[in-house]
Every structure is written in structure tokens, then in C-alpha cells.
Amino acid sequence: MKAGIRPRSSTSRPPGTLVLGLTSIHEATADLADGHVDNDELIAGMFTEVKVPKSDSTGER
């Protein structure tokens, strides 16, 4: 280990994850309060089945 560099503690990541999650929830509730969602296509894409063409044994389509 280089001098002056401390290993990242295991507790430094969860607070950032919590902040991102709370921010996401805040944005979602703001969208719902407006009566619409700004990213309708993205949300629809999450629930749409993607059809993938079958490939042969070499991986070619």
C-alpha cells in the first residue's frame, strides 16, 4: 500500500447508495404529483419483451 493512501472503508459506500435511492424516490414522487412521468418511453422499455433473433452454433445471426 502506498504511503498516505488509506483503504476505503466498507461504510463509505452505503450512505451514497442511500442518498441516490432517496433522490430517485423524491424525483418519482414529484413526477407523480405532476400527474405524468417524464420518461414514459424508458419505463415502457423496462416492461417490453425484446425479441432476439436466434443464432447458429457459431454465434452468427
N, C-alpha and C. Protein backbone atom coordinates (compact mmCIF):
# COMPACT_ATOMS: atom_id res chain seq x y z
N MET A 1 0.85 -1.17 0.00
CA MET A 1 0.00 0.00 0.00
C MET A 1 0.89 1.23 0.00
N LYS A 2 0.55 2.25 -0.80
CA LYS A 2 1.33 3.47 -0.89
C LYS A 2 1.14 4.30 0.38
N ALA A 3 2.16 5.04 0.70
CA ALA A 3 2.10 5.89 1.89
C ALA A 3 1.05 6.97 1.71
N GLY A 4 0.25 7.22 2.72
CA GLY A 4 -0.75 8.28 2.68
C GLY A 4 -2.07 7.87 2.07
N ILE A 5 -2.16 6.68 1.51
CA ILE A 5 -3.41 6.22 0.93
C ILE A 5 -4.03 5.19 1.86
N ARG A 6 -5.22 5.49 2.33
CA ARG A 6 -5.90 4.57 3.22
C ARG A 6 -6.88 3.72 2.42
N PRO A 7 -7.05 2.49 2.82
CA PRO A 7 -8.05 1.66 2.14
C PRO A 7 -9.45 2.22 2.39
N ARG A 8 -10.31 2.11 1.40
CA ARG A 8 -11.68 2.59 1.54
C ARG A 8 -12.42 1.71 2.54
N SER A 9 -13.08 2.36 3.46
CA SER A 9 -13.80 1.58 4.47
C SER A 9 -15.08 1.02 3.87
N SER A 10 -15.56 -0.04 4.44
CA SER A 10 -16.78 -0.68 3.93
C SER A 10 -18.02 0.15 4.25
N THR A 11 -17.89 1.18 5.07
CA THR A 11 -19.04 2.01 5.42
C THR A 11 -19.15 3.25 4.55
N SER A 12 -18.22 3.49 3.63
CA SER A 12 -18.27 4.71 2.83
C SER A 12 -19.25 4.61 1.67
N ARG A 13 -19.57 3.40 1.23
CA ARG A 13 -20.44 3.23 0.07
C ARG A 13 -21.94 3.27 0.41
N PRO A 14 -22.39 2.63 1.47
CA PRO A 14 -23.84 2.63 1.76
C PRO A 14 -24.49 4.01 1.88
N PRO A 15 -23.86 5.01 2.51
CA PRO A 15 -24.53 6.32 2.57
C PRO A 15 -24.76 6.91 1.17
N GLY A 16 -23.83 6.73 0.25
CA GLY A 16 -24.00 7.23 -1.11
C GLY A 16 -25.14 6.52 -1.81
N THR A 17 -25.25 5.22 -1.59
CA THR A 17 -26.33 4.43 -2.17
C THR A 17 -27.67 4.90 -1.61
N LEU A 18 -27.71 5.16 -0.33
CA LEU A 18 -28.92 5.65 0.31
C LEU A 18 -29.34 7.00 -0.27
N VAL A 19 -28.39 7.90 -0.44
CA VAL A 19 -28.69 9.22 -1.00
C VAL A 19 -29.24 9.09 -2.42
N LEU A 20 -28.63 8.22 -3.24
CA LEU A 20 -29.12 8.02 -4.61
C LEU A 20 -30.54 7.46 -4.60
N GLY A 21 -30.79 6.51 -3.71
CA GLY A 21 -32.12 5.93 -3.62
C GLY A 21 -33.17 6.94 -3.19
N LEU A 22 -32.84 7.74 -2.20
CA LEU A 22 -33.78 8.76 -1.73
C LEU A 22 -34.02 9.83 -2.79
N THR A 23 -32.98 10.18 -3.54
CA THR A 23 -33.13 11.15 -4.63
C THR A 23 -34.07 10.60 -5.70
N SER A 24 -33.89 9.33 -6.02
CA SER A 24 -34.75 8.69 -7.02
C SER A 24 -36.21 8.67 -6.56
N ILE A 25 -36.42 8.34 -5.30
CA ILE A 25 -37.79 8.33 -4.75
C ILE A 25 -38.39 9.73 -4.79
N HIS A 26 -37.60 10.72 -4.45
CA HIS A 26 -38.07 12.12 -4.47
C HIS A 26 -38.49 12.53 -5.88
N GLU A 27 -37.65 12.19 -6.87
CA GLU A 27 -37.98 12.53 -8.26
C GLU A 27 -39.23 11.80 -8.73
N ALA A 28 -39.38 10.55 -8.33
CA ALA A 28 -40.56 9.77 -8.72
C ALA A 28 -41.83 10.37 -8.11
N THR A 29 -41.77 10.75 -6.85
CA THR A 29 -42.97 11.32 -6.23
C THR A 29 -43.29 12.69 -6.84
N ALA A 30 -42.28 13.45 -7.22
CA ALA A 30 -42.52 14.73 -7.89
C ALA A 30 -43.20 14.50 -9.23
N ASP A 31 -42.76 13.49 -9.97
CA ASP A 31 -43.41 13.15 -11.25
C ASP A 31 -44.86 12.75 -11.04
N LEU A 32 -45.11 11.94 -10.02
CA LEU A 32 -46.48 11.51 -9.74
C LEU A 32 -47.35 12.69 -9.33
N ALA A 33 -46.80 13.64 -8.59
CA ALA A 33 -47.56 14.81 -8.17
C ALA A 33 -47.95 15.66 -9.36
N ASP A 34 -47.08 15.68 -10.40
CA ASP A 34 -47.38 16.44 -11.62
C ASP A 34 -48.46 15.76 -12.45
N GLY A 35 -48.71 14.49 -12.19
CA GLY A 35 -49.69 13.76 -12.95
C GLY A 35 -49.13 13.12 -14.20
N HIS A 36 -47.83 13.15 -14.35
CA HIS A 36 -47.19 12.50 -15.50
C HIS A 36 -45.78 12.08 -15.15
N VAL A 37 -45.23 11.24 -15.98
CA VAL A 37 -43.85 10.78 -15.81
C VAL A 37 -43.07 11.26 -17.02
N ASP A 38 -41.91 11.87 -16.80
CA ASP A 38 -41.13 12.46 -17.89
C ASP A 38 -40.51 11.43 -18.83
N ASN A 39 -40.27 10.25 -18.35
CA ASN A 39 -39.56 9.27 -19.17
C ASN A 39 -40.43 8.05 -19.47
N ASP A 40 -41.60 8.30 -20.04
CA ASP A 40 -42.55 7.22 -20.34
C ASP A 40 -41.93 6.12 -21.20
N GLU A 41 -41.12 6.50 -22.20
CA GLU A 41 -40.52 5.50 -23.09
C GLU A 41 -39.54 4.60 -22.35
N LEU A 42 -38.77 5.17 -21.43
CA LEU A 42 -37.84 4.36 -20.66
C LEU A 42 -38.58 3.37 -19.78
N ILE A 43 -39.64 3.82 -19.16
CA ILE A 43 -40.41 2.94 -18.28
C ILE A 43 -41.08 1.84 -19.10
N ALA A 44 -41.65 2.21 -20.25
CA ALA A 44 -42.28 1.21 -21.11
C ALA A 44 -41.25 0.19 -21.57
N GLY A 45 -40.02 0.63 -21.83
CA GLY A 45 -38.96 -0.27 -22.26
C GLY A 45 -38.60 -1.31 -21.22
N MET A 46 -38.79 -0.98 -19.96
CA MET A 46 -38.48 -1.93 -18.90
C MET A 46 -39.45 -3.09 -18.88
N PHE A 47 -40.64 -2.88 -19.42
CA PHE A 47 -41.68 -3.90 -19.36
C PHE A 47 -42.03 -4.47 -20.73
N THR A 48 -41.18 -4.20 -21.72
CA THR A 48 -41.41 -4.69 -23.07
C THR A 48 -40.42 -5.81 -23.37
N GLU A 49 -40.94 -6.92 -23.85
CA GLU A 49 -40.07 -8.05 -24.18
C GLU A 49 -39.31 -7.74 -25.46
N VAL A 50 -38.01 -7.97 -25.43
CA VAL A 50 -37.17 -7.74 -26.60
C VAL A 50 -37.01 -9.06 -27.33
N LYS A 51 -37.33 -9.05 -28.62
CA LYS A 51 -37.19 -10.27 -29.42
C LYS A 51 -35.80 -10.28 -30.03
N VAL A 52 -35.07 -11.36 -29.76
CA VAL A 52 -33.71 -11.51 -30.25
C VAL A 52 -33.70 -12.63 -31.28
N PRO A 53 -33.15 -12.36 -32.48
CA PRO A 53 -33.11 -13.42 -33.48
C PRO A 53 -32.21 -14.57 -33.01
N LYS A 54 -32.61 -15.80 -33.37
CA LYS A 54 -31.82 -16.96 -32.97
C LYS A 54 -30.51 -16.96 -33.74
N SER A 55 -29.47 -17.49 -33.10
CA SER A 55 -28.17 -17.56 -33.77
C SER A 55 -27.80 -19.03 -33.95
N ASP A 56 -26.88 -19.26 -34.89
CA ASP A 56 -26.41 -20.63 -35.07
C ASP A 56 -25.33 -20.94 -34.04
N SER A 57 -24.74 -22.09 -34.10
CA SER A 57 -23.78 -22.51 -33.08
C SER A 57 -22.51 -21.67 -33.07
N THR A 58 -22.23 -20.91 -34.15
CA THR A 58 -21.03 -20.07 -34.18
C THR A 58 -21.28 -18.70 -33.61
N GLY A 59 -22.52 -18.43 -33.26
CA GLY A 59 -22.85 -17.12 -32.71
C GLY A 59 -23.26 -16.13 -33.78
N GLU A 60 -23.24 -16.54 -35.05
CA GLU A 60 -23.65 -15.67 -36.14
C GLU A 60 -25.16 -15.62 -36.23
N ARG A 61 -25.70 -14.50 -36.62
CA ARG A 61 -27.15 -14.34 -36.75
C ARG A 61 -27.53 -14.33 -38.19
